[in-house]
PDB file of N, CA and C in Angstrom:
ATOM      1  N   MET A   1      29.896 -32.940 -85.959  1.00  0.00           N
ATOM      2  CA  MET A   1      29.463 -34.270 -86.365  1.00  0.00           C
ATOM      3  C   MET A   1      30.692 -35.091 -86.733  1.00  0.00           C
ATOM      4  N   SER A   2      30.756 -36.308 -86.238  1.00  0.00           N
ATOM      5  CA  SER A   2      31.907 -37.171 -86.507  1.00  0.00           C
ATOM      6  C   SER A   2      31.815 -37.761 -87.911  1.00  0.00           C
ATOM      7  N   ALA A   3      32.927 -38.327 -88.352  1.00  0.00           N
ATOM      8  CA  ALA A   3      32.955 -38.959 -89.677  1.00  0.00           C
ATOM      9  C   ALA A   3      31.970 -40.115 -89.742  1.00  0.00           C
ATOM     10  N   THR A   4      31.834 -40.854 -88.644  1.00  0.00           N
ATOM     11  CA  THR A   4      30.902 -41.981 -88.653  1.00  0.00           C
ATOM     12  C   THR A   4      29.469 -41.498 -88.748  1.00  0.00           C
ATOM     13  N   GLU A   5      29.168 -40.364 -88.132  1.00  0.00           N
ATOM     14  CA  GLU A   5      27.821 -39.806 -88.225  1.00  0.00           C
ATOM     15  C   GLU A   5      27.540 -39.314 -89.646  1.00  0.00           C
ATOM     16  N   THR A   6      28.576 -38.887 -90.349  1.00  0.00           N
ATOM     17  CA  THR A   6      28.401 -38.442 -91.728  1.00  0.00           C
ATOM     18  C   THR A   6      28.083 -39.633 -92.627  1.00  0.00           C
ATOM     19  N   VAL A   7      28.770 -40.751 -92.410  1.00  0.00           N
ATOM     20  CA  VAL A   7      28.560 -41.948 -93.212  1.00  0.00           C
ATOM     21  C   VAL A   7      27.186 -42.534 -92.937  1.00  0.00           C
ATOM     22  N   CYS A   8      26.811 -42.616 -91.670  1.00  0.00           N
ATOM     23  CA  CYS A   8      25.521 -43.171 -91.279  1.00  0.00           C
ATOM     24  C   CYS A   8      25.100 -42.553 -89.946  1.00  0.00           C
ATOM     25  N   PRO A   9      24.176 -41.608 -89.993  1.00  0.00           N
ATOM     26  CA  PRO A   9      23.712 -41.014 -88.733  1.00  0.00           C
ATOM     27  C   PRO A   9      23.151 -42.084 -87.798  1.00  0.00           C
ATOM     28  N   ARG A  10      23.222 -41.822 -86.510  1.00  0.00           N
ATOM     29  CA  ARG A  10      22.757 -42.781 -85.501  1.00  0.00           C
ATOM     30  C   ARG A  10      21.254 -42.589 -85.278  1.00  0.00           C
ATOM     31  N   THR A  11      20.502 -42.885 -86.331  1.00  0.00           N
ATOM     32  CA  THR A  11      19.042 -42.811 -86.263  1.00  0.00           C
ATOM     33  C   THR A  11      18.471 -44.137 -86.750  1.00  0.00           C
ATOM     34  N   PRO A  12      17.282 -44.498 -86.292  1.00  0.00           N
ATOM     35  CA  PRO A  12      16.687 -45.755 -86.759  1.00  0.00           C
ATOM     36  C   PRO A  12      16.529 -45.802 -88.281  1.00  0.00           C
ATOM     37  N   GLU A  13      16.134 -44.680 -88.868  1.00  0.00           N
ATOM     38  CA  GLU A  13      15.912 -44.648 -90.319  1.00  0.00           C
ATOM     39  C   GLU A  13      17.209 -44.873 -91.087  1.00  0.00           C
ATOM     40  N   ALA A  14      18.278 -44.201 -90.659  1.00  0.00           N
ATOM     41  CA  ALA A  14      19.565 -44.350 -91.344  1.00  0.00           C
ATOM     42  C   ALA A  14      20.102 -45.768 -91.193  1.00  0.00           C
ATOM     43  N   ILE A  15      19.948 -46.333 -90.011  1.00  0.00           N
ATOM     44  CA  ILE A  15      20.420 -47.695 -89.769  1.00  0.00           C
ATOM     45  C   ILE A  15      19.624 -48.686 -90.625  1.00  0.00           C
ATOM     46  N   LEU A  16      18.304 -48.505 -90.689  1.00  0.00           N
ATOM     47  CA  LEU A  16      17.475 -49.370 -91.540  1.00  0.00           C
ATOM     48  C   LEU A  16      17.957 -49.319 -92.986  1.00  0.00           C
ATOM     49  N   HIS A  17      18.182 -48.116 -93.472  1.00  0.00           N
ATOM     50  CA  HIS A  17      18.601 -47.945 -94.859  1.00  0.00           C
ATOM     51  C   HIS A  17      19.958 -48.605 -95.109  1.00  0.00           C
ATOM     52  N   ALA A  18      20.909 -48.398 -94.207  1.00  0.00           N
ATOM     53  CA  ALA A  18      22.247 -48.964 -94.388  1.00  0.00           C
ATOM     54  C   ALA A  18      22.226 -50.487 -94.336  1.00  0.00           C
ATOM     55  N   LEU A  19      21.403 -51.048 -93.467  1.00  0.00           N
ATOM     56  CA  LEU A  19      21.377 -52.502 -93.293  1.00  0.00           C
ATOM     57  C   LEU A  19      20.636 -53.236 -94.409  1.00  0.00           C
ATOM     58  N   GLU A  20      20.044 -52.511 -95.338  1.00  0.00           N
ATOM     59  CA  GLU A  20      19.354 -53.159 -96.460  1.00  0.00           C
ATOM     60  C   GLU A  20      20.314 -54.045 -97.251  1.00  0.00           C
ATOM     61  N   ARG A  21      21.592 -53.735 -97.197  1.00  0.00           N
ATOM     62  CA  ARG A  21      22.597 -54.529 -97.921  1.00  0.00           C
ATOM     63  C   ARG A  21      22.736 -55.933 -97.345  1.00  0.00           C
ATOM     64  N   LYS A  22      22.448 -56.083 -96.061  1.00  0.00           N
ATOM     65  CA  LYS A  22      22.556 -57.376 -95.383  1.00  0.00           C
ATOM     66  C   LYS A  22      21.179 -57.721 -94.803  1.00  0.00           C
ATOM     67  N   PRO A  23      20.314 -58.359 -95.596  1.00  0.00           N
ATOM     68  CA  PRO A  23      18.935 -58.617 -95.160  1.00  0.00           C
ATOM     69  C   PRO A  23      18.816 -59.329 -93.813  1.00  0.00           C
ATOM     70  N   GLU A  24      19.734 -60.260 -93.512  1.00  0.00           N
ATOM     71  CA  GLU A  24      19.638 -60.969 -92.234  1.00  0.00           C
ATOM     72  C   GLU A  24      19.939 -60.022 -91.069  1.00  0.00           C
ATOM     73  N   TRP A  25      20.859 -59.066 -91.275  1.00  0.00           N
ATOM     74  CA  TRP A  25      21.142 -58.069 -90.239  1.00  0.00           C
ATOM     75  C   TRP A  25      19.953 -57.128 -90.089  1.00  0.00           C
ATOM     76  N   LEU A  26      19.381 -56.733 -91.225  1.00  0.00           N
ATOM     77  CA  LEU A  26      18.224 -55.838 -91.204  1.00  0.00           C
ATOM     78  C   LEU A  26      17.076 -56.470 -90.423  1.00  0.00           C
ATOM     79  N   GLU A  27      16.809 -57.726 -90.685  1.00  0.00           N
ATOM     80  CA  GLU A  27      15.728 -58.419 -89.990  1.00  0.00           C
ATOM     81  C   GLU A  27      15.985 -58.473 -88.481  1.00  0.00           C
ATOM     82  N   SER A  28      17.211 -58.756 -88.100  1.00  0.00           N
ATOM     83  CA  SER A  28      17.543 -58.807 -86.670  1.00  0.00           C
ATOM     84  C   SER A  28      17.393 -57.439 -86.019  1.00  0.00           C
ATOM     85  N   PHE A  29      17.863 -56.394 -86.708  1.00  0.00           N
ATOM     86  CA  PHE A  29      17.704 -55.040 -86.171  1.00  0.00           C
ATOM     87  C   PHE A  29      16.227 -54.710 -85.986  1.00  0.00           C
ATOM     88  N   GLN A  30      15.415 -55.009 -86.998  1.00  0.00           N
ATOM     89  CA  GLN A  30      13.985 -54.704 -86.916  1.00  0.00           C
ATOM     90  C   GLN A  30      13.326 -55.442 -85.750  1.00  0.00           C
ATOM     91  N   GLN A  31      13.682 -56.691 -85.563  1.00  0.00           N
ATOM     92  CA  GLN A  31      13.106 -57.470 -84.464  1.00  0.00           C
ATOM     93  C   GLN A  31      13.495 -56.878 -83.116  1.00  0.00           C
ATOM     94  N   GLU A  32      14.767 -56.545 -82.956  1.00  0.00           N
ATOM     95  CA  GLU A  32      15.224 -55.971 -81.697  1.00  0.00           C
ATOM     96  C   GLU A  32      14.605 -54.599 -81.452  1.00  0.00           C
ATOM     97  N   TRP A  33      14.472 -53.804 -82.517  1.00  0.00           N
ATOM     98  CA  TRP A  33      13.887 -52.470 -82.391  1.00  0.00           C
ATOM     99  C   TRP A  33      12.416 -52.571 -81.969  1.00  0.00           C
ATOM    100  N   MET A  34      11.693 -53.477 -82.607  1.00  0.00           N
ATOM    101  CA  MET A  34      10.269 -53.632 -82.278  1.00  0.00           C
ATOM    102  C   MET A  34      10.092 -54.151 -80.847  1.00  0.00           C
ATOM    103  N   ALA A  35      10.940 -55.056 -80.412  1.00  0.00           N
ATOM    104  CA  ALA A  35      10.856 -55.579 -79.046  1.00  0.00           C
ATOM    105  C   ALA A  35      11.119 -54.459 -78.041  1.00  0.00           C
ATOM    106  N   ALA A  36      12.103 -53.623 -78.318  1.00  0.00           N
ATOM    107  CA  ALA A  36      12.394 -52.499 -77.423  1.00  0.00           C
ATOM    108  C   ALA A  36      11.264 -51.482 -77.431  1.00  0.00           C
ATOM    109  N   ALA A  37      10.696 -51.239 -78.606  1.00  0.00           N
ATOM    110  CA  ALA A  37       9.579 -50.294 -78.705  1.00  0.00           C
ATOM    111  C   ALA A  37       8.359 -50.808 -77.957  1.00  0.00           C
ATOM    112  N   ALA A  38       8.139 -52.113 -78.013  1.00  0.00           N
ATOM    113  CA  ALA A  38       6.993 -52.700 -77.317  1.00  0.00           C
ATOM    114  C   ALA A  38       7.119 -52.555 -75.803  1.00  0.00           C
ATOM    115  N   ASP A  39       8.349 -52.467 -75.315  1.00  0.00           N
ATOM    116  CA  ASP A  39       8.579 -52.280 -73.878  1.00  0.00           C
ATOM    117  C   ASP A  39       8.444 -50.813 -73.461  1.00  0.00           C
ATOM    118  N   PHE A  40       8.260 -49.922 -74.428  1.00  0.00           N
ATOM    119  CA  PHE A  40       8.179 -48.481 -74.166  1.00  0.00           C
ATOM    120  C   PHE A  40       9.386 -48.006 -73.358  1.00  0.00           C
ATOM    121  N   SER A  41      10.562 -48.500 -73.733  1.00  0.00           N
ATOM    122  CA  SER A  41      11.780 -48.194 -72.992  1.00  0.00           C
ATOM    123  C   SER A  41      12.754 -47.411 -73.875  1.00  0.00           C
ATOM    124  N   ALA A  42      12.943 -46.145 -73.525  1.00  0.00           N
ATOM    125  CA  ALA A  42      13.906 -45.328 -74.269  1.00  0.00           C
ATOM    126  C   ALA A  42      15.313 -45.904 -74.110  1.00  0.00           C
ATOM    127  N   GLU A  43      15.620 -46.439 -72.946  1.00  0.00           N
ATOM    128  CA  GLU A  43      16.934 -47.037 -72.706  1.00  0.00           C
ATOM    129  C   GLU A  43      17.142 -48.262 -73.600  1.00  0.00           C
ATOM    130  N   ALA A  44      16.122 -49.088 -73.744  1.00  0.00           N
ATOM    131  CA  ALA A  44      16.227 -50.270 -74.601  1.00  0.00           C
ATOM    132  C   ALA A  44      16.407 -49.864 -76.064  1.00  0.00           C
ATOM    133  N   LEU A  45      15.713 -48.821 -76.494  1.00  0.00           N
ATOM    134  CA  LEU A  45      15.870 -48.337 -77.870  1.00  0.00           C
ATOM    135  C   LEU A  45      17.290 -47.824 -78.095  1.00  0.00           C
ATOM    136  N   GLU A  46      17.836 -47.103 -77.128  1.00  0.00           N
ATOM    137  CA  GLU A  46      19.211 -46.603 -77.232  1.00  0.00           C
ATOM    138  C   GLU A  46      20.205 -47.765 -77.308  1.00  0.00           C
ATOM    139  N   THR A  47      19.944 -48.815 -76.548  1.00  0.00           N
ATOM    140  CA  THR A  47      20.814 -49.990 -76.561  1.00  0.00           C
ATOM    141  C   THR A  47      20.822 -50.638 -77.945  1.00  0.00           C
ATOM    142  N   VAL A  48      19.658 -50.722 -78.572  1.00  0.00           N
ATOM    143  CA  VAL A  48      19.571 -51.292 -79.923  1.00  0.00           C
ATOM    144  C   VAL A  48      20.352 -50.423 -80.909  1.00  0.00           C
ATOM    145  N   LEU A  49      20.204 -49.096 -80.807  1.00  0.00           N
ATOM    146  CA  LEU A  49      20.955 -48.203 -81.694  1.00  0.00           C
ATOM    147  C   LEU A  49      22.462 -48.364 -81.466  1.00  0.00           C
ATOM    148  N   ASP A  50      22.875 -48.443 -80.204  1.00  0.00           N
ATOM    149  CA  ASP A  50      24.298 -48.622 -79.895  1.00  0.00           C
ATOM    150  C   ASP A  50      24.833 -49.917 -80.498  1.00  0.00           C
ATOM    151  N   LYS A  51      24.045 -50.965 -80.421  1.00  0.00           N
ATOM    152  CA  LYS A  51      24.477 -52.275 -80.924  1.00  0.00           C
ATOM    153  C   LYS A  51      24.593 -52.284 -82.448  1.00  0.00           C
ATOM    154  N   TRP A  52      23.618 -51.718 -83.143  1.00  0.00           N
ATOM    155  CA  TRP A  52      23.547 -51.857 -84.602  1.00  0.00           C
ATOM    156  C   TRP A  52      24.197 -50.724 -85.387  1.00  0.00           C
ATOM    157  N   HIS A  53      24.508 -49.604 -84.759  1.00  0.00           N
ATOM    158  CA  HIS A  53      25.108 -48.487 -85.484  1.00  0.00           C
ATOM    159  C   HIS A  53      26.447 -48.863 -86.127  1.00  0.00           C
ATOM    160  N   PRO A  54      27.367 -49.563 -85.422  1.00  0.00           N
ATOM    161  CA  PRO A  54      28.620 -49.947 -86.099  1.00  0.00           C
ATOM    162  C   PRO A  54      28.399 -50.840 -87.327  1.00  0.00           C
ATOM    163  N   ALA A  55      27.443 -51.742 -87.260  1.00  0.00           N
ATOM    164  CA  ALA A  55      27.151 -52.605 -88.417  1.00  0.00           C
ATOM    165  C   ALA A  55      26.619 -51.770 -89.574  1.00  0.00           C
ATOM    166  N   ALA A  56      25.788 -50.787 -89.260  1.00  0.00           N
ATOM    167  CA  ALA A  56      25.245 -49.909 -90.304  1.00  0.00           C
ATOM    168  C   ALA A  56      26.352 -49.084 -90.948  1.00  0.00           C
ATOM    169  N   ILE A  57      27.298 -48.616 -90.151  1.00  0.00           N
ATOM    170  CA  ILE A  57      28.429 -47.859 -90.701  1.00  0.00           C
ATOM    171  C   ILE A  57      29.230 -48.757 -91.637  1.00  0.00           C
ATOM    172  N   ALA A  58      29.474 -49.989 -91.226  1.00  0.00           N
ATOM    173  CA  ALA A  58      30.217 -50.928 -92.076  1.00  0.00           C
ATOM    174  C   ALA A  58      29.505 -51.131 -93.405  1.00  0.00           C
ATOM    175  N   CYS A  59      28.186 -51.201 -93.376  1.00  0.00           N
ATOM    176  CA  CYS A  59      27.416 -51.368 -94.613  1.00  0.00           C
ATOM    177  C   CYS A  59      27.442 -50.105 -95.457  1.00  0.00           C
ATOM    178  N   ALA A  60      27.499 -48.953 -94.814  1.00  0.00           N
ATOM    179  CA  ALA A  60      27.403 -47.687 -95.532  1.00  0.00           C
ATOM    180  C   ALA A  60      28.722 -47.231 -96.148  1.00  0.00           C
ATOM    181  N   VAL A  61      29.845 -47.712 -95.636  1.00  0.00           N
ATOM    182  CA  VAL A  61      31.152 -47.314 -96.169  1.00  0.00           C
ATOM    183  C   VAL A  61      31.421 -48.114 -97.440  1.00  0.00           C
ATOM    184  N   PRO A  62      31.545 -47.442 -98.578  1.00  0.00           N
ATOM    185  CA  PRO A  62      31.751 -48.162 -99.839  1.00  0.00           C
ATOM    186  C   PRO A  62      32.959 -49.095 -99.788  1.00  0.00           C
ATOM    187  N   GLY A  63      32.732 -50.339-100.127  1.00  0.00           N
ATOM    188  CA  GLY A  63      33.799 -51.314-100.223  1.00  0.00           C
ATOM    189  C   GLY A  63      34.231 -51.955 -98.912  1.00  0.00           C
ATOM    190  N   HIS A  64      33.850 -51.387 -97.768  1.00  0.00           N
ATOM    191  CA  HIS A  64      34.331 -51.916 -96.481  1.00  0.00           C
ATOM    192  C   HIS A  64      33.877 -53.351 -96.260  1.00  0.00           C
ATOM    193  N   LEU A  65      32.599 -53.602 -96.409  1.00  0.00           N
ATOM    194  CA  LEU A  65      32.097 -54.958 -96.180  1.00  0.00           C
ATOM    195  C   LEU A  65      32.680 -55.940 -97.181  1.00  0.00           C
ATOM    196  N   ASP A  66      32.856 -55.510 -98.414  1.00  0.00           N
ATOM    197  CA  ASP A  66      33.469 -56.384 -99.421  1.00  0.00           C
ATOM    198  C   ASP A  66      34.878 -56.782 -98.997  1.00  0.00           C
ATOM    199  N   GLU A  67      35.646 -55.822 -98.464  1.00  0.00           N
ATOM    200  CA  GLU A  67      37.005 -56.112 -98.017  1.00  0.00           C
ATOM    201  C   GLU A  67      37.005 -57.100 -96.854  1.00  0.00           C
ATOM    202  N   VAL A  68      36.118 -56.880 -95.900  1.00  0.00           N
ATOM    203  CA  VAL A  68      36.046 -57.761 -94.736  1.00  0.00           C
ATOM    204  C   VAL A  68      35.624 -59.164 -95.163  1.00  0.00           C
ATOM    205  N   GLU A  69      34.591 -59.248 -96.004  1.00  0.00           N
ATOM    206  CA  GLU A  69      34.124 -60.565 -96.463  1.00  0.00           C
ATOM    207  C   GLU A  69      35.204 -61.276 -97.266  1.00  0.00           C
ATOM    208  N   ASP A  70      35.971 -60.530 -98.075  1.00  0.00           N
ATOM    209  CA  ASP A  70      37.067 -61.124 -98.833  1.00  0.00           C
ATOM    210  C   ASP A  70      38.147 -61.645 -97.890  1.00  0.00           C
ATOM    211  N   MET A  71      38.452 -60.879 -96.837  1.00  0.00           N
ATOM    212  CA  MET A  71      39.451 -61.319 -95.869  1.00  0.00           C
ATOM    213  C   MET A  71      39.001 -62.598 -95.162  1.00  0.00           C
ATOM    214  N   VAL A  72      37.746 -62.665 -94.786  1.00  0.00           N
ATOM    215  CA  VAL A  72      37.230 -63.868 -94.120  1.00  0.00           C
ATOM    216  C   VAL A  72      37.317 -65.065 -95.053  1.00  0.00           C
ATOM    217  N   ARG A  73      36.940 -64.879 -96.322  1.00  0.00           N
ATOM    218  CA  ARG A  73      37.041 -65.968 -97.301  1.00  0.00           C
ATOM    219  C   ARG A  73      38.486 -66.451 -97.440  1.00  0.00           C
ATOM    220  N   ARG A  74      39.409 -65.499 -97.530  1.00  0.00           N
ATOM    221  CA  ARG A  74      40.828 -65.870 -97.673  1.00  0.00           C
ATOM    222  C   ARG A  74      41.314 -66.652 -96.466  1.00  0.00           C
ATOM    223  N   VAL A  75      40.976 -66.197 -95.280  1.00  0.00           N
ATOM    224  CA  VAL A  75      41.405 -66.895 -94.063  1.00  0.00           C
ATOM    225  C   VAL A  75      40.784 -68.283 -94.017  1.00  0.00           C
ATOM    226  N   ASP A  76      39.499 -68.393 -94.362  1.00  0.00           N
ATOM    227  CA  ASP A  76      38.833 -69.702 -94.390  1.00  0.00           C
ATOM    228  C   ASP A  76      39.501 -70.651 -95.381  1.00  0.00           C
ATOM    229  N   ASP A  77      39.989 -70.090 -96.489  1.00  0.00           N
ATOM    230  CA  ASP A  77      40.652 -70.898 -97.518  1.00  0.00           C
ATOM    231  C   ASP A  77      42.129 -71.152 -97.202  1.00  0.00           C
ATOM    232  N   GLY A  78      42.610 -70.603 -96.088  1.00  0.00           N
ATOM    233  CA  GLY A  78      44.005 -70.797 -95.707  1.00  0.00           C
ATOM    234  C   GLY A  78      44.974 -69.869 -96.419  1.00  0.00           C
ATOM    235  N   ASP A  79      44.453 -68.876 -97.135  1.00  0.00           N
ATOM    236  CA  ASP A  79      45.297 -67.925 -97.863  1.00  0.00           C
ATOM    237  C   ASP A  79      45.424 -66.646 -97.029  1.00  0.00           C
ATOM    238  N   ASP A  80      46.318 -66.687 -96.040  1.00  0.00           N
ATOM    239  CA  ASP A  80      46.458 -65.526 -95.175  1.00  0.00           C
ATOM    240  C   ASP A  80      47.760 -64.764 -95.421  1.00  0.00           C
ATOM    241  N   SER A  81      48.446 -65.092 -96.521  1.00  0.00           N
ATOM    242  CA  SER A  81      49.675 -64.364 -96.841  1.00  0.00           C
ATOM    243  C   SER A  81      49.311 -62.907 -97.162  1.00  0.00           C
ATOM    244  N   ASP A  82      50.137 -62.029 -96.729  1.00  0.00           N
ATOM    245  CA  ASP A  82      49.981 -60.588 -96.961  1.00  0.00           C
ATOM    246  C   ASP A  82      48.819 -59.952 -96.209  1.00  0.00           C
ATOM    247  N   LEU A  83      48.074 -60.709 -95.400  1.00  0.00           N
ATOM    248  CA  LEU A  83      47.031 -60.090 -94.594  1.00  0.00           C
ATOM    249  C   LEU A  83      47.685 -59.428 -93.392  1.00  0.00           C
ATOM    250  N   VAL A  84      47.218 -58.224 -93.072  1.00  0.00           N
ATOM    251  CA  VAL A  84      47.748 -57.485 -91.932  1.00  0.00           C
ATOM    252  C   VAL A  84      46.582 -57.141 -91.020  1.00  0.00           C
ATOM    253  N   PHE A  85      46.784 -57.373 -89.728  1.00  0.00           N
ATOM    254  CA  PHE A  85      45.777 -57.077 -88.722  1.00  0.00           C
ATOM    255  C   PHE A  85      46.343 -56.042 -87.768  1.00  0.00           C
ATOM    256  N   TYR A  86      45.496 -55.165 -87.243  1.00  0.00           N
ATOM    257  CA  TYR A  86      45.939 -54.088 -86.373  1.00  0.00           C
ATOM    258  C   TYR A  86      45.342 -54.251 -84.984  1.00  0.00           C
ATOM    259  N   ASP A  87      46.181 -54.024 -83.970  1.00  0.00           N
ATOM    260  CA  ASP A  87      45.678 -54.090 -82.606  1.00  0.00           C
ATOM    261  C   ASP A  87      45.162 -52.714 -82.180  1.00  0.00           C
ATOM    262  N   ASP A  88      44.740 -52.590 -80.932  1.00  0.00           N
ATOM    263  CA  ASP A  88      44.163 -51.338 -80.436  1.00  0.00           C
ATOM    264  C   ASP A  88      45.148 -50.175 -80.452  1.00  0.00           C
ATOM    265  N   GLU A  89      46.431 -50.487 -80.465  1.00  0.00           N
ATOM    266  CA  GLU A  89      47.450 -49.441 -80.463  1.00  0.00           C
ATOM    267  C   GLU A  89      47.912 -49.077 -81.873  1.00  0.00           C
ATOM    268  N   GLY A  90      47.314 -49.699 -82.896  1.00  0.00           N
ATOM    269  CA  GLY A  90      47.680 -49.416 -84.274  1.00  0.00           C
ATOM    270  C   GLY A  90      48.897 -50.172 -84.756  1.00  0.00           C
ATOM    271  N   LEU A  91      49.334 -51.167 -83.976  1.00  0.00           N
ATOM    272  CA  LEU A  91      50.474 -51.975 -84.377  1.00  0.00           C
ATOM    273  C   LEU A  91      50.023 -53.062 -85.349  1.00  0.00           C
ATOM    274  N   ALA A  92      50.838 -53.300 -86.359  1.00  0.00           N
ATOM    275  CA  ALA A  92      50.500 -54.264 -87.414  1.00  0.00           C
ATOM    276  C   ALA A  92      51.035 -55.645 -87.068  1.00  0.00           C
ATOM    277  N   TRP A  93      50.229 -56.668 -87.392  1.00  0.00           N
ATOM    278  CA  TRP A  93      50.584 -58.068 -87.143  1.00  0.00           C
ATOM    279  C   TRP A  93      50.190 -58.895 -88.352  1.00  0.00           C
ATOM    280  N   SER A  94      50.984 -59.912 -88.633  1.00  0.00           N
ATOM    281  CA  SER A  94      50.640 -60.843 -89.706  1.00  0.00           C
ATOM    282  C   SER A  94      49.641 -61.853 -89.158  1.00  0.00           C
ATOM    283  N   ALA A  95      49.080 -62.657 -90.046  1.00  0.00           N
ATOM    284  CA  ALA A  95      48.149 -63.710 -89.622  1.00  0.00           C
ATOM    285  C   ALA A  95      48.852 -64.748 -88.760  1.00  0.00           C
ATOM    286  N   ALA A  96      50.177 -64.837 -88.881  1.00  0.00           N
ATOM    287  CA  ALA A  96      50.963 -65.769 -88.066  1.00  0.00           C
ATOM    288  C   ALA A  96      51.367 -65.136 -86.735  1.00  0.00           C
ATOM    289  N   ASN A  97      50.766 -63.992 -86.397  1.00  0.00           N
ATOM    290  CA  ASN A  97      51.013 -63.281 -85.146  1.00  0.00           C
ATOM    291  C   ASN A  97      52.447 -62.770 -85.044  1.00  0.00           C
ATOM    292  N   GLU A  98      52.978 -62.329 -86.176  1.00  0.00           N
ATOM    293  CA  GLU A  98      54.315 -61.748 -86.209  1.00  0.00           C
ATOM    294  C   GLU A  98      54.170 -60.249 -86.427  1.00  0.00           C
ATOM    295  N   ARG A  99      54.979 -59.467 -85.710  1.00  0.00           N
ATOM    296  CA  ARG A  99      54.925 -58.000 -85.848  1.00  0.00           C
ATOM    297  C   ARG A  99      55.324 -57.574 -87.249  1.00  0.00           C
ATOM    298  N   ARG A 100      54.622 -56.577 -87.772  1.00  0.00           N
ATOM    299  CA  ARG A 100      54.921 -55.976 -89.081  1.00  0.00           C
ATOM    300  C   ARG A 100      55.111 -54.481 -88.888  1.00  0.00           C
ATOM    301  N   PRO A 101      56.221 -54.047 -88.303  1.00  0.00           N
ATOM    302  CA  PRO A 101      56.405 -52.620 -88.011  1.00  0.00           C
ATOM    303  C   PRO A 101      56.338 -51.726 -89.257  1.00  0.00           C
ATOM    304  N   ASP A 102      56.658 -52.301 -90.421  1.00  0.00           N
ATOM    305  CA  ASP A 102      56.605 -51.520 -91.663  1.00  0.00           C
ATOM    306  C   ASP A 102      55.175 -51.136 -92.044  1.00  0.00           C
ATOM    307  N   ARG A 103      54.182 -51.756 -91.414  1.00  0.00           N
ATOM    308  CA  ARG A 103      52.775 -51.483 -91.749  1.00  0.00           C
ATOM    309  C   ARG A 103      52.017 -50.790 -90.621  1.00  0.00           C
ATOM    310  N   ASP A 104      52.709 -50.424 -89.521  1.00  0.00           N
ATOM    311  CA  ASP A 104      52.039 -49.768 -88.394  1.00  0.00           C
ATOM    312  C   ASP A 104      51.314 -48.514 -88.855  1.00  0.00           C
ATOM    313  N   ARG A 105      50.190 -48.281 -88.245  1.00  0.00           N
ATOM    314  CA  ARG A 105      49.443 -47.050 -88.524  1.00  0.00           C
ATOM    315  C   ARG A 105      50.064 -45.927 -87.710  1.00  0.00           C
ATOM    316  N   ARG A 106      50.248 -44.851 -88.297  1.00  0.00           N
ATOM    317  CA  ARG A 106      50.854 -43.707 -87.598  1.00  0.00           C
ATOM    318  C   ARG A 106      49.814 -42.679 -87.315  1.00  0.00           C
TER     319      ARG A 106
END
């Protein structure tokens, strides 16, 4: 079992529980799940789980959503000093798109 499965298993029940923190996300998940269920399509249900599982993991990881929401607020307020963003290769970049090799993920 992967670490993400430990935080939030990829089941409808676990996703529902995790998304309770974000009622608007929960409502959207429920609507999409019910629409897929009404089609009697296992593929459509799997697609809904694939779409919403990462959001559920974000909700289930303590402090993760708070950090992301704080970062968005800071960027919206123009306070992007000391923010570091990582690309797919784990390289660190400042908000001004400058390399930060001292912060690269190893």
